[in-house]
Amino acid sequence: MDPQEGPKNYDLEERTYQFAKRVREFVRKLPRTVSNREGVVQVVRASGSVGANYIEANESLGKKDFLMHIKISRKESKESRYYLRLLDTGKTRKSRGKLVQESTELMNILGAILRKSE
């Protein structure tokens, strides 16, 4: 087996992509309430922005640009967690809990990258 494909290989771009994808799957199952309408839009945008800004950081033009995109990615992780917690989940609370946990973990990982890079 190629070492790049092993279970210990940790691709944060892929992890952020999977997070955004799982958020989209989750919101499709939510009750169609007035209170969920805006929250769904916000959480979909924020969750996608986590990975998009991480990719931008990896393609940065310099250290300052890298740090800015990592900070934005971390901020979007935090925003994703906020909107996930606000949504009326109906019978999908367990799924939400896993997504809240993932957004917290991403926030912590990005925070560690930021601390090590400054």
N, C-alpha and C. Protein backbone atom coordinates (compact mmCIF):
# COMPACT_ATOMS: atom_id res chain seq x y z
N MET A 1 0.85 -1.18 0.00
CA MET A 1 0.00 0.00 0.00
C MET A 1 0.89 1.24 0.00
N ASP A 2 0.52 2.20 -0.79
CA ASP A 2 1.23 3.47 -0.85
C ASP A 2 1.08 4.20 0.49
N PRO A 3 2.18 4.69 1.10
CA PRO A 3 2.08 5.38 2.38
C PRO A 3 1.16 6.61 2.31
N GLN A 4 1.04 7.20 1.14
CA GLN A 4 0.17 8.37 0.98
C GLN A 4 -1.31 8.00 1.13
N GLU A 5 -1.64 6.72 0.93
CA GLU A 5 -3.03 6.29 0.97
C GLU A 5 -3.41 5.64 2.30
N GLY A 6 -2.47 5.52 3.21
CA GLY A 6 -2.72 4.84 4.47
C GLY A 6 -3.67 5.61 5.37
N PRO A 7 -4.22 4.93 6.38
CA PRO A 7 -5.18 5.57 7.27
C PRO A 7 -4.58 6.70 8.10
N LYS A 8 -3.25 6.73 8.23
CA LYS A 8 -2.62 7.79 9.03
C LYS A 8 -2.41 9.07 8.22
N ASN A 9 -2.59 8.98 6.90
CA ASN A 9 -2.49 10.19 6.08
C ASN A 9 -3.68 11.09 6.41
N TYR A 10 -3.39 12.32 6.76
CA TYR A 10 -4.44 13.21 7.22
C TYR A 10 -4.53 14.39 6.28
N ASP A 11 -5.51 14.39 5.41
CA ASP A 11 -5.68 15.42 4.41
C ASP A 11 -6.77 16.38 4.88
N LEU A 12 -6.35 17.53 5.36
CA LEU A 12 -7.31 18.50 5.90
C LEU A 12 -8.20 19.09 4.81
N GLU A 13 -7.70 19.19 3.59
CA GLU A 13 -8.57 19.65 2.49
C GLU A 13 -9.72 18.68 2.31
N GLU A 14 -9.43 17.40 2.33
CA GLU A 14 -10.49 16.39 2.16
C GLU A 14 -11.43 16.40 3.36
N ARG A 15 -10.88 16.56 4.55
CA ARG A 15 -11.73 16.57 5.75
C ARG A 15 -12.68 17.75 5.73
N THR A 16 -12.21 18.92 5.32
CA THR A 16 -13.10 20.08 5.26
C THR A 16 -14.15 19.91 4.17
N TYR A 17 -13.76 19.27 3.07
CA TYR A 17 -14.72 18.97 2.00
C TYR A 17 -15.81 18.03 2.51
N GLN A 18 -15.41 16.98 3.20
CA GLN A 18 -16.37 16.02 3.74
C GLN A 18 -17.30 16.68 4.76
N PHE A 19 -16.76 17.59 5.55
CA PHE A 19 -17.58 18.33 6.52
C PHE A 19 -18.67 19.11 5.79
N ALA A 20 -18.29 19.88 4.78
CA ALA A 20 -19.26 20.67 4.02
C ALA A 20 -20.29 19.76 3.36
N LYS A 21 -19.85 18.64 2.85
CA LYS A 21 -20.75 17.69 2.19
C LYS A 21 -21.75 17.11 3.20
N ARG A 22 -21.27 16.75 4.39
CA ARG A 22 -22.16 16.20 5.42
C ARG A 22 -23.15 17.25 5.92
N VAL A 23 -22.72 18.50 5.99
CA VAL A 23 -23.65 19.57 6.38
C VAL A 23 -24.78 19.66 5.36
N ARG A 24 -24.45 19.61 4.09
CA ARG A 24 -25.47 19.68 3.04
C ARG A 24 -26.44 18.50 3.11
N GLU A 25 -25.92 17.32 3.39
CA GLU A 25 -26.79 16.15 3.55
C GLU A 25 -27.70 16.32 4.77
N PHE A 26 -27.14 16.85 5.84
CA PHE A 26 -27.90 17.07 7.07
C PHE A 26 -29.05 18.05 6.87
N VAL A 27 -28.79 19.18 6.24
CA VAL A 27 -29.83 20.21 6.11
C VAL A 27 -30.98 19.75 5.21
N ARG A 28 -30.71 18.81 4.31
CA ARG A 28 -31.80 18.29 3.47
C ARG A 28 -32.84 17.54 4.30
N LYS A 29 -32.45 17.05 5.47
CA LYS A 29 -33.35 16.26 6.32
C LYS A 29 -34.07 17.11 7.37
N LEU A 30 -33.75 18.38 7.45
CA LEU A 30 -34.34 19.23 8.48
C LEU A 30 -35.78 19.60 8.17
N PRO A 31 -36.56 19.87 9.23
CA PRO A 31 -37.92 20.37 9.01
C PRO A 31 -37.88 21.71 8.28
N ARG A 32 -38.79 21.92 7.39
CA ARG A 32 -38.86 23.16 6.61
C ARG A 32 -39.62 24.22 7.40
N THR A 33 -38.94 24.80 8.38
CA THR A 33 -39.56 25.82 9.20
C THR A 33 -39.01 27.20 8.84
N VAL A 34 -39.74 28.22 9.23
CA VAL A 34 -39.29 29.59 8.97
C VAL A 34 -37.96 29.84 9.67
N SER A 35 -37.83 29.34 10.89
CA SER A 35 -36.59 29.57 11.65
C SER A 35 -35.39 28.87 11.02
N ASN A 36 -35.62 27.77 10.33
CA ASN A 36 -34.51 27.05 9.70
C ASN A 36 -34.07 27.67 8.38
N ARG A 37 -34.96 28.38 7.73
CA ARG A 37 -34.65 28.87 6.38
C ARG A 37 -33.33 29.66 6.33
N GLU A 38 -33.20 30.68 7.14
CA GLU A 38 -31.98 31.49 7.12
C GLU A 38 -30.79 30.75 7.70
N GLY A 39 -31.02 29.96 8.74
CA GLY A 39 -29.94 29.20 9.35
C GLY A 39 -29.31 28.21 8.39
N VAL A 40 -30.14 27.58 7.58
CA VAL A 40 -29.63 26.62 6.59
C VAL A 40 -28.73 27.31 5.59
N VAL A 41 -29.15 28.46 5.10
CA VAL A 41 -28.33 29.22 4.14
C VAL A 41 -27.00 29.57 4.78
N GLN A 42 -27.03 30.04 6.00
CA GLN A 42 -25.81 30.47 6.68
C GLN A 42 -24.86 29.29 6.95
N VAL A 43 -25.40 28.17 7.42
CA VAL A 43 -24.52 27.04 7.74
C VAL A 43 -23.95 26.41 6.48
N VAL A 44 -24.70 26.40 5.40
CA VAL A 44 -24.17 25.87 4.15
C VAL A 44 -23.03 26.75 3.65
N ARG A 45 -23.21 28.05 3.70
CA ARG A 45 -22.15 28.98 3.27
C ARG A 45 -20.92 28.85 4.14
N ALA A 46 -21.11 28.88 5.46
CA ALA A 46 -19.98 28.85 6.38
C ALA A 46 -19.21 27.53 6.27
N SER A 47 -19.94 26.41 6.19
CA SER A 47 -19.26 25.11 6.14
C SER A 47 -18.44 24.96 4.86
N GLY A 48 -18.93 25.48 3.75
CA GLY A 48 -18.17 25.44 2.51
C GLY A 48 -16.97 26.36 2.54
N SER A 49 -17.11 27.46 3.24
CA SER A 49 -16.05 28.45 3.33
C SER A 49 -14.86 27.95 4.16
N VAL A 50 -15.10 27.02 5.08
CA VAL A 50 -14.00 26.45 5.88
C VAL A 50 -12.95 25.86 4.94
N GLY A 51 -13.39 24.98 4.07
CA GLY A 51 -12.47 24.32 3.14
C GLY A 51 -11.94 25.24 2.07
N ALA A 52 -12.80 26.11 1.56
CA ALA A 52 -12.37 27.03 0.50
C ALA A 52 -11.24 27.93 0.99
N ASN A 53 -11.35 28.42 2.21
CA ASN A 53 -10.30 29.28 2.74
C ASN A 53 -9.05 28.49 3.12
N TYR A 54 -9.22 27.24 3.53
CA TYR A 54 -8.05 26.41 3.79
C TYR A 54 -7.27 26.17 2.50
N ILE A 55 -7.98 25.91 1.42
CA ILE A 55 -7.33 25.74 0.11
C ILE A 55 -6.62 27.03 -0.29
N GLU A 56 -7.28 28.16 -0.09
CA GLU A 56 -6.65 29.45 -0.38
C GLU A 56 -5.38 29.64 0.44
N ALA A 57 -5.41 29.23 1.70
CA ALA A 57 -4.22 29.34 2.56
C ALA A 57 -3.07 28.52 1.98
N ASN A 58 -3.39 27.33 1.50
CA ASN A 58 -2.36 26.46 0.94
C ASN A 58 -1.79 26.99 -0.37
N GLU A 59 -2.53 27.85 -1.03
CA GLU A 59 -2.09 28.46 -2.28
C GLU A 59 -1.67 29.92 -2.08
N SER A 60 -1.41 30.28 -0.84
CA SER A 60 -1.16 31.68 -0.50
C SER A 60 0.11 32.23 -1.16
N LEU A 61 0.14 33.54 -1.22
CA LEU A 61 1.26 34.25 -1.84
C LEU A 61 2.36 34.60 -0.85
N GLY A 62 2.10 34.35 0.41
CA GLY A 62 3.09 34.65 1.43
C GLY A 62 2.53 34.33 2.81
N LYS A 63 3.34 34.53 3.83
CA LYS A 63 2.94 34.18 5.18
C LYS A 63 1.73 34.97 5.66
N LYS A 64 1.71 36.25 5.37
CA LYS A 64 0.59 37.10 5.80
C LYS A 64 -0.72 36.62 5.17
N ASP A 65 -0.68 36.30 3.89
CA ASP A 65 -1.85 35.79 3.17
C ASP A 65 -2.28 34.44 3.74
N PHE A 66 -1.31 33.57 4.02
CA PHE A 66 -1.58 32.26 4.62
C PHE A 66 -2.31 32.42 5.95
N LEU A 67 -1.75 33.27 6.83
CA LEU A 67 -2.35 33.46 8.15
C LEU A 67 -3.76 34.02 8.06
N MET A 68 -3.98 34.95 7.14
CA MET A 68 -5.32 35.54 6.98
C MET A 68 -6.33 34.46 6.60
N HIS A 69 -5.99 33.59 5.66
CA HIS A 69 -6.94 32.57 5.21
C HIS A 69 -7.16 31.50 6.27
N ILE A 70 -6.13 31.17 7.03
CA ILE A 70 -6.31 30.22 8.14
C ILE A 70 -7.24 30.83 9.19
N LYS A 71 -7.06 32.11 9.49
CA LYS A 71 -7.94 32.78 10.45
C LYS A 71 -9.39 32.79 9.96
N ILE A 72 -9.58 33.06 8.69
CA ILE A 72 -10.94 33.06 8.13
C ILE A 72 -11.53 31.65 8.18
N SER A 73 -10.74 30.66 7.84
CA SER A 73 -11.21 29.28 7.88
C SER A 73 -11.64 28.90 9.30
N ARG A 74 -10.84 29.29 10.27
CA ARG A 74 -11.18 29.02 11.68
C ARG A 74 -12.46 29.74 12.07
N LYS A 75 -12.60 30.99 11.65
CA LYS A 75 -13.80 31.78 11.93
C LYS A 75 -15.04 31.12 11.32
N GLU A 76 -14.91 30.61 10.12
CA GLU A 76 -16.04 29.96 9.45
C GLU A 76 -16.40 28.64 10.14
N SER A 77 -15.42 27.95 10.71
CA SER A 77 -15.69 26.74 11.49
C SER A 77 -16.54 27.10 12.71
N LYS A 78 -16.15 28.18 13.35
CA LYS A 78 -16.88 28.65 14.53
C LYS A 78 -18.30 29.07 14.15
N GLU A 79 -18.44 29.76 13.03
CA GLU A 79 -19.75 30.19 12.55
C GLU A 79 -20.62 28.98 12.18
N SER A 80 -20.01 27.97 11.57
CA SER A 80 -20.75 26.74 11.24
C SER A 80 -21.31 26.11 12.51
N ARG A 81 -20.49 26.04 13.53
CA ARG A 81 -20.92 25.46 14.80
C ARG A 81 -22.09 26.26 15.38
N TYR A 82 -22.00 27.56 15.32
CA TYR A 82 -23.06 28.43 15.85
C TYR A 82 -24.39 28.16 15.15
N TYR A 83 -24.38 28.17 13.81
CA TYR A 83 -25.63 27.97 13.08
C TYR A 83 -26.15 26.53 13.20
N LEU A 84 -25.27 25.56 13.30
CA LEU A 84 -25.72 24.19 13.52
C LEU A 84 -26.48 24.09 14.84
N ARG A 85 -25.98 24.77 15.85
CA ARG A 85 -26.63 24.74 17.17
C ARG A 85 -27.98 25.44 17.16
N LEU A 86 -28.15 26.42 16.29
CA LEU A 86 -29.40 27.17 16.22
C LEU A 86 -30.52 26.45 15.48
N LEU A 87 -30.16 25.54 14.60
CA LEU A 87 -31.17 24.90 13.75
C LEU A 87 -32.14 24.04 14.54
N ASP A 88 -33.40 24.08 14.12
CA ASP A 88 -34.44 23.21 14.66
C ASP A 88 -34.26 21.86 13.98
N THR A 89 -33.79 20.87 14.72
CA THR A 89 -33.37 19.62 14.12
C THR A 89 -34.44 18.56 14.01
N GLY A 90 -35.54 18.72 14.71
CA GLY A 90 -36.54 17.66 14.69
C GLY A 90 -35.93 16.38 15.24
N LYS A 91 -35.87 15.34 14.42
CA LYS A 91 -35.36 14.04 14.87
C LYS A 91 -33.89 13.80 14.50
N THR A 92 -33.19 14.84 14.11
CA THR A 92 -31.80 14.67 13.64
C THR A 92 -30.77 15.21 14.62
N ARG A 93 -31.06 15.20 15.90
CA ARG A 93 -30.14 15.77 16.89
C ARG A 93 -28.79 15.07 16.95
N LYS A 94 -28.80 13.75 16.81
CA LYS A 94 -27.54 13.01 16.87
C LYS A 94 -26.62 13.42 15.71
N SER A 95 -27.19 13.55 14.53
CA SER A 95 -26.40 14.00 13.37
C SER A 95 -25.84 15.39 13.61
N ARG A 96 -26.66 16.26 14.17
CA ARG A 96 -26.18 17.62 14.46
C ARG A 96 -25.04 17.57 15.45
N GLY A 97 -25.14 16.76 16.46
CA GLY A 97 -24.08 16.67 17.47
C GLY A 97 -22.75 16.28 16.86
N LYS A 98 -22.78 15.35 15.91
CA LYS A 98 -21.54 14.94 15.24
C LYS A 98 -20.96 16.08 14.40
N LEU A 99 -21.83 16.84 13.76
CA LEU A 99 -21.35 17.98 12.95
C LEU A 99 -20.82 19.09 13.84
N VAL A 100 -21.47 19.33 14.97
CA VAL A 100 -20.97 20.34 15.92
C VAL A 100 -19.59 19.91 16.43
N GLN A 101 -19.45 18.63 16.73
CA GLN A 101 -18.15 18.12 17.19
C GLN A 101 -17.08 18.29 16.11
N GLU A 102 -17.43 17.97 14.86
CA GLU A 102 -16.47 18.11 13.76
C GLU A 102 -16.08 19.57 13.56
N SER A 103 -17.04 20.48 13.64
CA SER A 103 -16.70 21.90 13.46
C SER A 103 -15.78 22.37 14.59
N THR A 104 -15.99 21.87 15.80
CA THR A 104 -15.13 22.21 16.93
C THR A 104 -13.72 21.66 16.71
N GLU A 105 -13.63 20.42 16.23
CA GLU A 105 -12.32 19.83 15.96
C GLU A 105 -11.59 20.59 14.86
N LEU A 106 -12.30 20.96 13.81
CA LEU A 106 -11.68 21.74 12.74
C LEU A 106 -11.19 23.08 13.27
N MET A 107 -12.00 23.70 14.11
CA MET A 107 -11.62 24.97 14.71
C MET A 107 -10.33 24.81 15.52
N ASN A 108 -10.23 23.74 16.28
CA ASN A 108 -9.04 23.49 17.10
C ASN A 108 -7.81 23.20 16.24
N ILE A 109 -7.98 22.42 15.18
CA ILE A 109 -6.87 22.11 14.27
C ILE A 109 -6.37 23.39 13.61
N LEU A 110 -7.30 24.19 13.11
CA LEU A 110 -6.92 25.44 12.44
C LEU A 110 -6.28 26.42 13.43
N GLY A 111 -6.76 26.42 14.65
CA GLY A 111 -6.16 27.25 15.69
C GLY A 111 -4.73 26.82 15.99
N ALA A 112 -4.49 25.51 16.00
CA ALA A 112 -3.13 25.00 16.22
C ALA A 112 -2.21 25.37 15.06
N ILE A 113 -2.72 25.28 13.83
CA ILE A 113 -1.93 25.68 12.66
C ILE A 113 -1.58 27.15 12.79
N LEU A 114 -2.53 27.94 13.20
CA LEU A 114 -2.32 29.38 13.34
C LEU A 114 -1.24 29.67 14.39
N ARG A 115 -1.35 29.04 15.54
CA ARG A 115 -0.36 29.27 16.62
C ARG A 115 1.05 28.86 16.18
N LYS A 116 1.16 27.74 15.48
CA LYS A 116 2.47 27.26 15.05
C LYS A 116 3.05 28.11 13.93
N SER A 117 2.18 28.80 13.20
CA SER A 117 2.64 29.57 12.04
C SER A 117 2.97 31.02 12.36
N GLU A 118 2.48 31.50 13.49
CA GLU A 118 2.71 32.93 13.83
C GLU A 118 4.08 33.16 14.41
